[in-house]
Amino acid sequence: MQTAVRVALGASRGRILRQNLTEGILLAVLGGAAGLWVAMVATRGILHLAFAGAEYIPLHTTPSLPVLAFALAVSLLTGLIFSAAPAWIASRTQPTEPLRAARSTRDHALLPQRLLIVLQAGVSLVLLVTAALLTLSLRRLETQPLGIETQGRLMAWISLAHNEYPASRLEDLYQKLQTRLSQIPGVLSASFSHSAPLYGMREPISIQGKPPVPLLKDGIWPGENRVSAHYFETIGTRVIRGRPIDEHDTPSSQHVAVVDQAFANFFFSGEDPIGRHFGIQTVQHNHYYEIVGIVQDARYKTPHDSGIPPTFFLPLLQDERYEDTAEDLEQADSKYIYDIQLHVAGRPEDFKEPLRRALADIDPNLTVIRTPTFEEHVSRTFDQERLIARLTTLYGLLALVLASVGLYGVASYAAARRTNEIGIRMALGADRRSVVALMLRGAMRPVFAGLALGVPAALAGARVIASQLYDVKIYDPLIFGSAVVVLAACALSAAYVPARRAASIDPMEALRAE
C-alpha cells in the first residue's frame, strides 16, 4: 500500500528500490553485528560447558578477520537479496490495484510465513524430543548404581618415574605409602591401584580345566586391575564371598586373585569359583592365580556399558615371568600405581592439601597430577554426555523461542491485515471471544501442521541417537507428549497476544482502517 501511494505521487521505481535497499542493508548489517556478538557470547558459554572446571581453555572466542569479513559479506548479501526482490515486485505493480483492492480473508501473502512456521514447529519438536531423551539418559547414567561409594572419598593421580623407582624399590615405597597415608588425621582407610575406579585394562585369560576363553560379546577381554590392601574397603565395594586382597599377599606368597560377580557368573556358571585357578594369556599360565574372593559388581571400566564386563583384581606386586617380551614388559608396568584412594571422615576437599603434603614427605619428586574427589571423578566420566545434552537443550530452547517469535510476528501481521474484516464481524454481532478464537485458529493451523510433520521426524531422530542413550526408550510417550504440549503451549501464548489485541479494536475504528 505504502509503495503504491508513493508511485501514485510520482516516485520513480529506482528511488523506491534505493530506499528499500538502504533500509534492508542497514537492518541486515545491524542484525549481523548483533548476531556476531551473540555468537561470541554463546561460544564462550559453550566452551565453559565443554571445559567445565578446567584451569586452562585451549580455545579463544575472539573472531578473526576472515570471520568478520564473512559475517559482513553474509549480512550485505542477505540485506541485498531480501530487500531488492520485494521492492522490485512492488515497484512494478500498478498503483491503482492495491489502492482499490479489498483484502481477502484468504491472504496468500502470508503463505511463505506460514510455511516457515510449519518448518520451525517441526524442527523445534525434533530438538525438544532429542534434548529430553539425552537429558533423561544422562540422569540415569549419573544415578545408576556404580558399585562404589562416592561420598567421603578422595583420590590422587600420580606418576612414578620408572628410572627412579625400579621394580626392586616398589615394595618399600608401597609400604611407606600405606603407613603415611593411614596416619593422616581423619583418614579411615587408604589404598592405591594401577588404574582408577571406572577405568582399567583388558587382558585375555585362560582358566585351568576349561577350554580357551573366548572374547566377550563386545569383542573385548575381561577387565584387570592391580590393587593394594584395603582397596575394596576404601572405594566402598562389598566383598560377597571369601576375602579381599590384604597385606599378606606379597610377591613371595601364594599368588591370588579376587573376581567380581560378573566374572564368577560368566566363567563359572553353576560352579564355585573359590579355589579355582586362572592365568593371563595362554594355557601355559592358567595356574598362576588362585581365586580367593568374590566382590560385588561395579562399573570398574565405564558406566556407559549396557552390561558389566567380568573383572579380576590382582595384588600389586605379584606377577609371573612370560616368554613373550612384550607381555612381560606389560605385566611389569602394571605393578606401578597411578591412582591413590582415601576414605575420609569429613569433606574430601579438606584432605587435598594433607594428601599432597603426605606424598611430599615420602618423596618430594612424586608427581601429583590431580586430586579429584570421587564425585568429581564420576562426574567427569559423563562430560561428553553432559555437554551434548546441554547443547541440544540450548538449541531446542532457541528453536522454540524463534518459532514463538515467528508465530507472534505472523499473527500480528495477519491481525493488522484483517482489521477491516474484524470490524465488520464485530459490527454484525461477533463478540471478542469469537474474534480471539478466529485469530487463534488461523495462527495455530501451521503449528499443528508442523507438529504433524515433526512427530515422525522426531521418531526418526530418536532412532538415530539410540546408540547414545542409556536405559531410555526411544519411543517414550511421556517425552513425546510433553514436547508436543510445551511447543503447543508456547505457540498458543505467542498467538494469543495479537489475537487479544485484534479483539480489542473498536468496530468503528476498524471500519475506517481502509
Protein backbone atom coordinates (compact mmCIF):
# COMPACT_ATOMS: atom_id res chain seq x y z
CA MET A 1 0.00 0.00 0.00
CA GLN A 2 2.76 2.45 1.01
CA THR A 3 4.69 1.71 -2.19
CA ALA A 4 1.51 2.18 -4.26
CA VAL A 5 0.89 5.60 -2.68
CA ARG A 6 4.48 6.69 -3.40
CA VAL A 7 4.28 5.53 -7.01
CA ALA A 8 0.95 7.34 -7.42
CA LEU A 9 2.57 10.54 -6.11
CA GLY A 10 5.35 10.31 -8.70
CA ALA A 11 8.16 8.36 -7.07
CA SER A 12 10.34 6.55 -9.59
CA ARG A 13 10.98 2.82 -9.36
CA GLY A 14 14.70 3.46 -8.96
CA ARG A 15 14.12 5.67 -5.93
CA ILE A 16 11.84 3.06 -4.35
CA LEU A 17 14.46 0.39 -4.95
CA ARG A 18 17.21 2.55 -3.42
CA GLN A 19 15.14 3.29 -0.33
CA ASN A 20 14.26 -0.36 0.24
CA LEU A 21 17.86 -1.45 -0.34
CA THR A 22 19.15 1.17 2.10
CA GLU A 23 16.70 0.13 4.80
CA GLY A 24 17.24 -3.59 4.20
CA ILE A 25 21.04 -3.46 4.12
CA LEU A 26 21.17 -1.25 7.23
CA LEU A 27 18.94 -3.65 9.14
CA ALA A 28 20.92 -6.66 7.87
CA VAL A 29 24.27 -5.16 8.95
CA LEU A 30 22.88 -4.25 12.38
CA GLY A 31 21.43 -7.74 12.67
CA GLY A 32 24.75 -9.27 11.60
CA ALA A 33 26.61 -7.25 14.24
CA ALA A 34 24.13 -8.31 16.91
CA GLY A 35 24.36 -11.91 15.72
CA LEU A 36 28.16 -11.80 15.89
CA TRP A 37 28.02 -10.54 19.46
CA VAL A 38 25.52 -13.24 20.42
CA ALA A 39 27.71 -15.85 18.72
CA MET A 40 30.76 -14.72 20.71
CA VAL A 41 28.84 -14.84 24.00
CA ALA A 42 27.29 -18.22 23.14
CA THR A 43 30.67 -19.64 22.06
CA ARG A 44 32.20 -18.54 25.34
CA GLY A 45 29.38 -20.26 27.21
CA ILE A 46 29.75 -23.44 25.14
CA LEU A 47 33.50 -23.52 25.85
CA HIS A 48 32.83 -23.21 29.57
CA LEU A 49 30.37 -26.09 29.29
CA ALA A 50 32.88 -28.19 27.35
CA PHE A 51 35.81 -27.41 29.68
CA ALA A 52 33.89 -27.15 32.95
CA GLY A 53 36.28 -26.87 35.87
CA ALA A 54 39.37 -26.61 33.65
CA GLU A 55 42.03 -24.10 34.66
CA TYR A 56 43.05 -23.53 31.06
CA ILE A 57 40.82 -23.37 27.98
CA PRO A 58 42.87 -24.00 24.82
CA LEU A 59 40.48 -22.04 22.57
CA HIS A 60 39.52 -18.37 22.42
CA THR A 61 36.36 -16.65 21.23
CA THR A 62 37.84 -13.54 19.61
CA PRO A 63 36.77 -13.63 15.92
CA SER A 64 39.50 -13.44 13.30
CA LEU A 65 39.45 -11.04 10.34
CA PRO A 66 38.25 -13.74 7.90
CA VAL A 67 35.32 -14.49 10.24
CA LEU A 68 34.43 -10.80 10.49
CA ALA A 69 34.68 -10.41 6.70
CA PHE A 70 32.48 -13.46 6.15
CA ALA A 71 29.86 -12.18 8.61
CA LEU A 72 29.83 -8.78 6.90
CA ALA A 73 29.52 -10.36 3.44
CA VAL A 74 26.64 -12.59 4.54
CA SER A 75 24.85 -9.62 6.13
CA LEU A 76 25.22 -7.48 3.00
CA LEU A 77 24.11 -10.32 0.72
CA THR A 78 21.12 -11.09 2.92
CA GLY A 79 20.05 -7.44 3.01
CA LEU A 80 20.51 -7.13 -0.74
CA ILE A 81 18.52 -10.23 -1.69
CA PHE A 82 15.67 -9.86 0.77
CA SER A 83 15.26 -6.13 0.10
CA ALA A 84 15.64 -5.97 -3.67
CA ALA A 85 13.24 -8.75 -4.61
CA PRO A 86 10.14 -7.47 -2.72
CA ALA A 87 10.88 -3.86 -3.70
CA TRP A 88 11.21 -4.82 -7.38
CA ILE A 89 7.90 -6.73 -7.32
CA ALA A 90 6.10 -3.91 -5.51
CA SER A 91 7.50 -1.20 -7.79
CA ARG A 92 6.22 -2.99 -10.91
CA THR A 93 2.65 -3.19 -9.54
CA GLN A 94 0.13 -0.72 -10.92
CA PRO A 95 -0.65 1.75 -8.09
CA THR A 96 -4.39 1.64 -8.70
CA GLU A 97 -4.65 -2.08 -7.96
CA PRO A 98 -3.59 -2.11 -4.27
CA LEU A 99 -5.34 1.22 -3.67
CA ARG A 100 -8.73 -0.15 -4.65
CA ALA A 101 -8.34 -3.88 -3.94
CA ALA A 102 -10.11 -5.36 -0.96
CA ARG A 103 -8.10 -7.72 1.21
CA SER A 104 -9.25 -11.29 1.03
CA THR A 105 -9.68 -13.28 4.17
CA ARG A 106 -7.55 -15.90 2.46
CA ASP A 107 -4.44 -13.74 2.19
CA HIS A 108 -1.90 -15.58 0.02
CA ALA A 109 0.77 -13.06 1.05
CA LEU A 110 1.03 -14.92 4.36
CA LEU A 111 1.73 -18.30 2.73
CA PRO A 112 5.57 -18.11 2.89
CA GLN A 113 5.44 -17.02 6.54
CA ARG A 114 3.04 -19.84 7.41
CA LEU A 115 5.27 -22.40 5.69
CA LEU A 116 8.17 -21.08 7.73
CA ILE A 117 6.14 -21.55 10.93
CA VAL A 118 5.41 -25.15 9.88
CA LEU A 119 9.14 -25.77 9.42
CA GLN A 120 10.09 -24.05 12.69
CA ALA A 121 7.50 -26.01 14.68
CA GLY A 122 8.69 -29.32 13.21
CA VAL A 123 12.38 -28.59 13.86
CA SER A 124 11.62 -27.34 17.37
CA LEU A 125 9.78 -30.55 18.20
CA VAL A 126 12.67 -32.69 16.95
CA LEU A 127 15.18 -30.73 19.04
CA LEU A 128 12.97 -30.75 22.15
CA VAL A 129 12.46 -34.52 21.95
CA THR A 130 16.17 -35.12 21.34
CA ALA A 131 17.13 -32.88 24.25
CA ALA A 132 14.66 -34.63 26.57
CA LEU A 133 15.92 -38.10 25.58
CA LEU A 134 19.58 -37.13 26.07
CA THR A 135 18.86 -35.40 29.39
CA LEU A 136 16.95 -38.41 30.70
CA SER A 137 19.75 -40.70 29.55
CA LEU A 138 22.33 -38.53 31.34
CA ARG A 139 20.27 -38.53 34.54
CA ARG A 140 20.01 -42.32 34.51
CA LEU A 141 23.72 -42.65 33.81
CA GLU A 142 24.55 -40.45 36.78
CA THR A 143 22.13 -42.15 39.17
CA GLN A 144 22.82 -45.77 38.24
CA PRO A 145 24.39 -47.96 40.96
CA LEU A 146 28.13 -47.90 40.29
CA GLY A 147 29.18 -50.43 42.91
CA ILE A 148 31.48 -47.86 44.51
CA GLU A 149 30.80 -45.17 47.08
CA THR A 150 31.43 -41.56 46.13
CA GLN A 151 30.69 -39.88 49.46
CA GLY A 152 33.73 -39.12 51.61
CA ARG A 153 36.21 -40.38 49.01
CA LEU A 154 39.27 -38.65 47.57
CA MET A 155 41.84 -39.78 45.02
CA ALA A 156 45.17 -38.60 43.71
CA TRP A 157 46.54 -39.33 40.26
CA ILE A 158 50.30 -39.67 40.41
CA SER A 159 53.12 -40.55 38.05
CA LEU A 160 56.04 -42.75 39.12
CA ALA A 161 59.25 -42.36 37.15
CA HIS A 162 60.38 -45.87 36.23
CA ASN A 163 64.03 -44.85 36.25
CA GLU A 164 63.76 -43.51 39.81
CA TYR A 165 61.66 -46.43 41.04
CA PRO A 166 62.85 -49.74 39.60
CA ALA A 167 60.80 -52.82 40.47
CA SER A 168 63.12 -53.60 43.38
CA ARG A 169 62.11 -50.34 45.17
CA LEU A 170 58.36 -50.62 44.72
CA GLU A 171 57.63 -52.82 47.75
CA ASP A 172 59.40 -50.42 50.12
CA LEU A 173 57.65 -47.42 48.52
CA TYR A 174 54.21 -49.00 48.82
CA GLN A 175 54.76 -49.86 52.47
CA LYS A 176 55.73 -46.25 53.20
CA LEU A 177 52.68 -45.01 51.29
CA GLN A 178 50.30 -47.26 53.20
CA THR A 179 51.76 -46.23 56.57
CA ARG A 180 51.97 -42.49 55.88
CA LEU A 181 48.55 -42.15 54.25
CA SER A 182 46.87 -44.03 57.09
CA GLN A 183 48.42 -41.57 59.55
CA ILE A 184 46.64 -38.53 58.06
CA PRO A 185 44.12 -37.37 60.69
CA GLY A 186 40.60 -38.22 59.56
CA VAL A 187 41.59 -40.92 57.06
CA LEU A 188 39.51 -44.06 57.65
CA SER A 189 41.30 -46.20 55.07
CA ALA A 190 43.82 -45.75 52.26
CA SER A 191 44.69 -47.77 49.17
CA PHE A 192 46.26 -47.43 45.73
CA SER A 193 45.99 -49.18 42.38
CA HIS A 194 47.32 -49.28 38.85
CA SER A 195 44.06 -47.92 37.39
CA ALA A 196 41.48 -45.60 38.87
CA PRO A 197 37.92 -46.80 39.51
CA LEU A 198 35.80 -46.62 36.33
CA TYR A 199 38.98 -47.24 34.32
CA GLY A 200 41.06 -50.34 33.76
CA MET A 201 42.98 -52.63 31.42
CA ARG A 202 41.77 -55.59 29.38
CA GLU A 203 43.59 -58.90 29.37
CA PRO A 204 42.98 -62.31 27.75
CA ILE A 205 42.88 -65.08 30.32
CA SER A 206 42.98 -68.88 30.45
CA ILE A 207 41.20 -70.90 33.15
CA GLN A 208 42.62 -74.15 34.44
CA GLY A 209 40.46 -77.10 33.47
CA LYS A 210 38.41 -75.16 30.93
CA PRO A 211 38.64 -74.65 27.16
CA PRO A 212 40.21 -71.44 25.82
CA VAL A 213 38.29 -68.36 26.93
CA PRO A 214 36.53 -66.58 24.03
CA LEU A 215 36.19 -62.86 23.63
CA LEU A 216 33.26 -61.28 25.42
CA LYS A 217 30.14 -60.26 23.49
CA ASP A 218 31.57 -56.80 22.71
CA GLY A 219 34.79 -58.25 21.33
CA ILE A 220 36.79 -57.38 24.44
CA TRP A 221 38.68 -59.27 27.14
CA PRO A 222 37.86 -59.27 30.85
CA GLY A 223 38.92 -56.22 32.84
CA GLU A 224 42.00 -56.27 35.05
CA ASN A 225 43.33 -54.05 37.81
CA ARG A 226 46.20 -54.40 40.25
CA VAL A 227 45.33 -53.12 43.71
CA SER A 228 46.75 -52.81 47.20
CA ALA A 229 45.34 -53.98 50.50
CA HIS A 230 42.18 -52.17 51.71
CA TYR A 231 41.22 -51.30 48.11
CA PHE A 232 37.65 -52.60 48.23
CA GLU A 233 37.12 -51.18 51.69
CA THR A 234 38.33 -47.75 50.58
CA ILE A 235 36.25 -47.47 47.39
CA GLY A 236 33.17 -48.96 49.07
CA THR A 237 32.82 -52.24 47.15
CA ARG A 238 31.38 -55.07 49.21
CA VAL A 239 33.08 -58.49 49.43
CA ILE A 240 30.41 -61.16 48.79
CA ARG A 241 32.41 -64.30 49.49
CA GLY A 242 35.93 -65.20 50.52
CA ARG A 243 38.41 -62.49 51.37
CA PRO A 244 39.80 -59.33 49.76
CA ILE A 245 43.42 -58.68 48.84
CA ASP A 246 45.37 -57.84 52.01
CA GLU A 247 48.86 -57.22 53.41
CA HIS A 248 49.73 -60.92 53.38
CA ASP A 249 49.59 -61.06 49.57
CA THR A 250 53.27 -60.41 48.96
CA PRO A 251 55.48 -61.37 45.99
CA SER A 252 56.65 -64.50 47.84
CA SER A 253 53.20 -65.71 48.99
CA GLN A 254 50.63 -67.75 47.11
CA HIS A 255 49.54 -65.77 44.07
CA VAL A 256 45.87 -64.89 44.42
CA ALA A 257 43.08 -63.03 42.65
CA VAL A 258 39.72 -61.54 43.54
CA VAL A 259 36.97 -61.56 40.91
CA ASP A 260 33.65 -59.79 40.67
CA GLN A 261 30.24 -61.42 40.49
CA ALA A 262 30.06 -60.94 36.70
CA PHE A 263 33.34 -62.84 36.32
CA ALA A 264 32.07 -65.69 38.52
CA ASN A 265 28.76 -65.91 36.64
CA PHE A 266 30.33 -65.74 33.19
CA PHE A 267 33.15 -68.22 33.62
CA PHE A 268 31.88 -70.43 36.48
CA SER A 269 28.12 -70.59 35.97
CA GLY A 270 26.75 -73.15 38.46
CA GLU A 271 30.23 -73.74 39.93
CA ASP A 272 32.11 -72.43 42.93
CA PRO A 273 34.98 -70.21 41.68
CA ILE A 274 36.72 -70.04 45.08
CA GLY A 275 39.91 -72.09 44.89
CA ARG A 276 39.95 -72.27 41.08
CA HIS A 277 42.99 -71.11 39.12
CA PHE A 278 43.48 -68.98 36.03
CA GLY A 279 46.24 -67.03 34.34
CA ILE A 280 46.84 -64.22 31.89
CA GLN A 281 47.46 -65.08 28.24
CA THR A 282 47.90 -68.72 27.15
CA VAL A 283 47.08 -72.07 28.78
CA GLN A 284 50.71 -72.42 29.94
CA HIS A 285 49.90 -69.76 32.54
CA ASN A 286 46.43 -70.93 33.64
CA HIS A 287 47.59 -71.99 37.11
CA TYR A 288 49.23 -68.72 38.24
CA TYR A 289 46.45 -67.13 40.30
CA GLU A 290 44.06 -68.74 42.78
CA ILE A 291 40.66 -67.10 43.24
CA VAL A 292 40.22 -66.30 46.94
CA GLY A 293 37.31 -63.85 46.91
CA ILE A 294 34.28 -62.50 45.05
CA VAL A 295 33.21 -58.86 45.22
CA GLN A 296 30.03 -57.16 44.08
CA ASP A 297 29.75 -55.97 40.50
CA ALA A 298 30.85 -52.42 39.85
CA ARG A 299 31.37 -50.16 36.86
CA TYR A 300 35.13 -50.61 37.01
CA LYS A 301 35.64 -49.92 33.33
CA THR A 302 32.98 -47.48 32.15
CA PRO A 303 29.44 -46.59 33.27
CA HIS A 304 28.27 -46.46 29.64
CA ASP A 305 28.28 -50.21 29.04
CA SER A 306 24.84 -51.81 28.90
CA GLY A 307 26.21 -54.69 30.97
CA ILE A 308 29.00 -55.12 33.47
CA PRO A 309 32.06 -56.85 31.95
CA PRO A 310 33.82 -59.51 34.05
CA THR A 311 36.71 -58.06 36.03
CA PHE A 312 39.50 -59.57 38.14
CA PHE A 313 41.91 -57.98 40.62
CA LEU A 314 45.48 -58.96 41.39
CA PRO A 315 47.85 -57.87 44.18
CA LEU A 316 50.16 -55.10 43.02
CA LEU A 317 53.47 -56.91 43.37
CA GLN A 318 52.52 -60.45 42.42
CA ASP A 319 53.45 -61.30 38.86
CA GLU A 320 54.94 -64.07 36.75
CA ARG A 321 57.56 -64.29 34.06
CA TYR A 322 56.39 -64.66 30.46
CA GLU A 323 58.14 -65.93 27.39
CA ASP A 324 56.72 -63.06 25.35
CA THR A 325 58.87 -59.99 25.96
CA ALA A 326 56.07 -57.53 25.25
CA GLU A 327 53.71 -59.28 27.67
CA ASP A 328 56.46 -59.47 30.27
CA LEU A 329 57.03 -55.70 29.99
CA GLU A 330 53.29 -55.04 30.18
CA GLN A 331 52.95 -57.07 33.37
CA ALA A 332 55.98 -55.32 34.86
CA ASP A 333 54.45 -51.93 34.07
CA SER A 334 51.12 -52.92 35.67
CA LYS A 335 52.86 -53.04 39.09
CA TYR A 336 53.31 -49.25 39.02
CA ILE A 337 50.49 -47.33 40.67
CA TYR A 338 48.82 -44.32 39.08
CA ASP A 339 45.96 -43.78 41.50
CA ILE A 340 45.63 -43.34 45.26
CA GLN A 341 42.30 -43.58 47.10
CA LEU A 342 41.32 -42.25 50.53
CA HIS A 343 38.17 -42.84 52.57
CA VAL A 344 37.90 -39.87 54.90
CA ALA A 345 35.68 -38.61 57.69
CA GLY A 346 34.51 -35.18 56.54
CA ARG A 347 34.66 -33.20 53.33
CA PRO A 348 37.06 -34.82 50.84
CA GLU A 349 38.11 -31.36 49.60
CA ASP A 350 39.64 -30.65 53.02
CA PHE A 351 42.08 -33.54 52.60
CA LYS A 352 43.65 -32.48 49.30
CA GLU A 353 46.48 -30.48 50.87
CA PRO A 354 47.19 -33.02 53.66
CA LEU A 355 47.38 -35.70 50.95
CA ARG A 356 49.84 -33.65 48.89
CA ARG A 357 51.97 -32.98 51.97
CA ALA A 358 52.00 -36.66 52.90
CA LEU A 359 53.19 -37.61 49.41
CA ALA A 360 55.86 -34.89 49.55
CA ASP A 361 57.06 -36.27 52.89
CA ILE A 362 57.61 -39.66 51.29
CA ASP A 363 59.29 -38.30 48.17
CA PRO A 364 59.28 -34.63 47.08
CA ASN A 365 59.75 -35.81 43.49
CA LEU A 366 56.45 -37.70 43.39
CA THR A 367 54.41 -36.02 40.64
CA VAL A 368 50.79 -35.37 41.67
CA ILE A 369 48.71 -34.76 38.55
CA ARG A 370 45.29 -34.16 40.09
CA THR A 371 43.42 -34.73 43.34
CA PRO A 372 39.73 -35.10 42.41
CA THR A 373 37.05 -36.32 44.76
CA PHE A 374 35.22 -39.46 43.77
CA GLU A 375 32.17 -37.34 42.94
CA GLU A 376 34.26 -35.18 40.61
CA HIS A 377 35.84 -38.27 39.08
CA VAL A 378 32.46 -39.87 38.36
CA SER A 379 31.04 -36.58 37.12
CA ARG A 380 33.88 -36.10 34.62
CA THR A 381 33.15 -39.55 33.23
CA PHE A 382 29.92 -38.09 31.83
CA ASP A 383 31.39 -34.83 30.49
CA GLN A 384 30.70 -35.70 26.85
CA GLU A 385 27.12 -36.78 27.52
CA ARG A 386 26.51 -33.72 29.69
CA LEU A 387 27.86 -31.36 27.02
CA ILE A 388 25.76 -32.93 24.26
CA ALA A 389 22.62 -32.86 26.43
CA ARG A 390 23.16 -29.22 27.40
CA LEU A 391 23.88 -28.08 23.85
CA THR A 392 20.87 -29.95 22.47
CA THR A 393 18.68 -28.41 25.19
CA LEU A 394 20.08 -24.97 24.37
CA TYR A 395 19.38 -25.42 20.66
CA GLY A 396 15.91 -26.77 21.41
CA LEU A 397 15.04 -23.76 23.57
CA LEU A 398 16.46 -21.41 20.93
CA ALA A 399 14.37 -23.06 18.23
CA LEU A 400 11.32 -22.83 20.50
CA VAL A 401 11.90 -19.11 21.04
CA LEU A 402 12.40 -18.48 17.33
CA ALA A 403 9.25 -20.39 16.47
CA SER A 404 7.26 -18.43 19.09
CA VAL A 405 8.64 -15.09 17.90
CA GLY A 406 7.93 -16.00 14.27
CA LEU A 407 4.38 -17.04 15.11
CA TYR A 408 3.85 -13.83 17.06
CA GLY A 409 5.01 -11.78 14.06
CA VAL A 410 2.83 -13.67 11.59
CA ALA A 411 -0.21 -13.45 13.89
CA SER A 412 0.32 -9.71 14.38
CA TYR A 413 0.70 -9.16 10.65
CA ALA A 414 -2.42 -11.21 9.92
CA ALA A 415 -4.40 -9.27 12.54
CA ALA A 416 -3.29 -5.96 11.05
CA ARG A 417 -4.30 -7.03 7.54
CA ARG A 418 -7.70 -8.25 8.73
CA THR A 419 -8.57 -5.15 10.77
CA ASN A 420 -11.42 -4.18 8.45
CA GLU A 421 -12.79 -7.73 8.43
CA ILE A 422 -12.67 -7.85 12.24
CA GLY A 423 -14.57 -4.55 12.40
CA ILE A 424 -17.31 -5.89 10.09
CA ARG A 425 -17.65 -9.10 12.13
CA MET A 426 -17.90 -7.18 15.40
CA ALA A 427 -20.39 -4.72 13.85
CA LEU A 428 -22.55 -7.67 12.84
CA GLY A 429 -22.58 -9.01 16.40
CA ALA A 430 -19.45 -11.10 16.86
CA ASP A 431 -18.10 -10.84 20.43
CA ARG A 432 -14.44 -10.58 21.40
CA ARG A 433 -14.20 -14.24 22.41
CA SER A 434 -15.21 -15.39 18.93
CA VAL A 435 -12.72 -12.96 17.34
CA VAL A 436 -9.91 -14.29 19.57
CA ALA A 437 -10.90 -17.86 18.67
CA LEU A 438 -10.93 -16.94 14.96
CA MET A 439 -7.44 -15.45 15.10
CA LEU A 440 -6.05 -18.33 17.20
CA ARG A 441 -7.41 -20.92 14.76
CA GLY A 442 -5.69 -19.18 11.88
CA ALA A 443 -2.43 -18.83 13.81
CA MET A 444 -2.32 -22.38 15.21
CA ARG A 445 -3.03 -24.22 11.94
CA PRO A 446 0.60 -24.04 10.73
CA VAL A 447 1.77 -25.03 14.23
CA PHE A 448 -0.38 -28.16 14.20
CA ALA A 449 0.84 -28.93 10.68
CA GLY A 450 4.41 -28.57 11.93
CA LEU A 451 3.68 -30.90 14.86
CA ALA A 452 2.17 -33.47 12.49
CA LEU A 453 5.37 -33.41 10.44
CA GLY A 454 7.63 -33.13 13.48
CA VAL A 455 6.43 -36.26 15.32
CA PRO A 456 7.61 -38.77 12.66
CA ALA A 457 10.78 -36.71 12.19
CA ALA A 458 11.43 -36.84 15.95
CA LEU A 459 10.86 -40.62 15.94
CA ALA A 460 13.42 -40.97 13.15
CA GLY A 461 15.85 -38.72 15.04
CA ALA A 462 15.42 -40.77 18.22
CA ARG A 463 16.29 -43.90 16.27
CA VAL A 464 19.47 -42.23 15.01
CA ILE A 465 20.69 -41.35 18.53
CA ALA A 466 19.58 -44.67 20.06
CA SER A 467 23.20 -45.80 20.46
CA GLN A 468 23.92 -42.69 22.58
CA LEU A 469 21.11 -43.38 25.05
CA TYR A 470 21.33 -45.36 28.28
CA ASP A 471 18.28 -47.16 29.69
CA VAL A 472 15.90 -44.91 27.72
CA LYS A 473 13.23 -45.99 25.26
CA ILE A 474 13.43 -44.01 22.03
CA TYR A 475 9.62 -44.08 21.75
CA ASP A 476 8.93 -42.77 25.25
CA PRO A 477 5.31 -41.47 25.05
CA LEU A 478 5.80 -39.17 28.04
CA ILE A 479 8.70 -37.37 26.40
CA PHE A 480 6.93 -37.02 23.05
CA GLY A 481 3.69 -35.91 24.69
CA SER A 482 5.46 -33.38 26.91
CA ALA A 483 7.38 -31.92 23.96
CA VAL A 484 4.17 -31.53 21.94
CA VAL A 485 2.36 -29.90 24.88
CA VAL A 486 5.26 -27.49 25.60
CA LEU A 487 5.56 -26.44 21.97
CA ALA A 488 1.79 -26.03 21.55
CA ALA A 489 1.52 -24.03 24.80
CA CYS A 490 4.34 -21.66 23.78
CA ALA A 491 2.81 -21.21 20.32
CA LEU A 492 -0.62 -20.55 21.81
CA SER A 493 0.82 -17.96 24.19
CA ALA A 494 2.65 -16.25 21.32
CA ALA A 495 -0.50 -16.14 19.17
CA TYR A 496 -2.83 -15.08 21.99
CA VAL A 497 -1.33 -11.59 22.44
CA PRO A 498 -2.00 -10.32 18.88
CA ALA A 499 -5.35 -12.15 18.84
CA ARG A 500 -6.39 -10.41 22.05
CA ARG A 501 -5.19 -7.08 20.69
CA ALA A 502 -7.21 -7.60 17.50
CA ALA A 503 -10.34 -8.35 19.51
CA SER A 504 -9.90 -5.11 21.47
CA ILE A 505 -10.22 -2.90 18.37
CA ASP A 506 -13.20 -0.54 18.33
CA PRO A 507 -15.50 -1.61 15.44
CA MET A 508 -15.88 1.95 14.11
CA GLU A 509 -12.13 2.49 14.04
CA ALA A 510 -11.68 -0.89 12.34
CA LEU A 511 -14.22 0.02 9.65
CA ARG A 512 -12.35 3.26 8.96
CA ALA A 513 -8.98 1.45 8.74
CA GLU A 514 -9.20 1.11 4.96
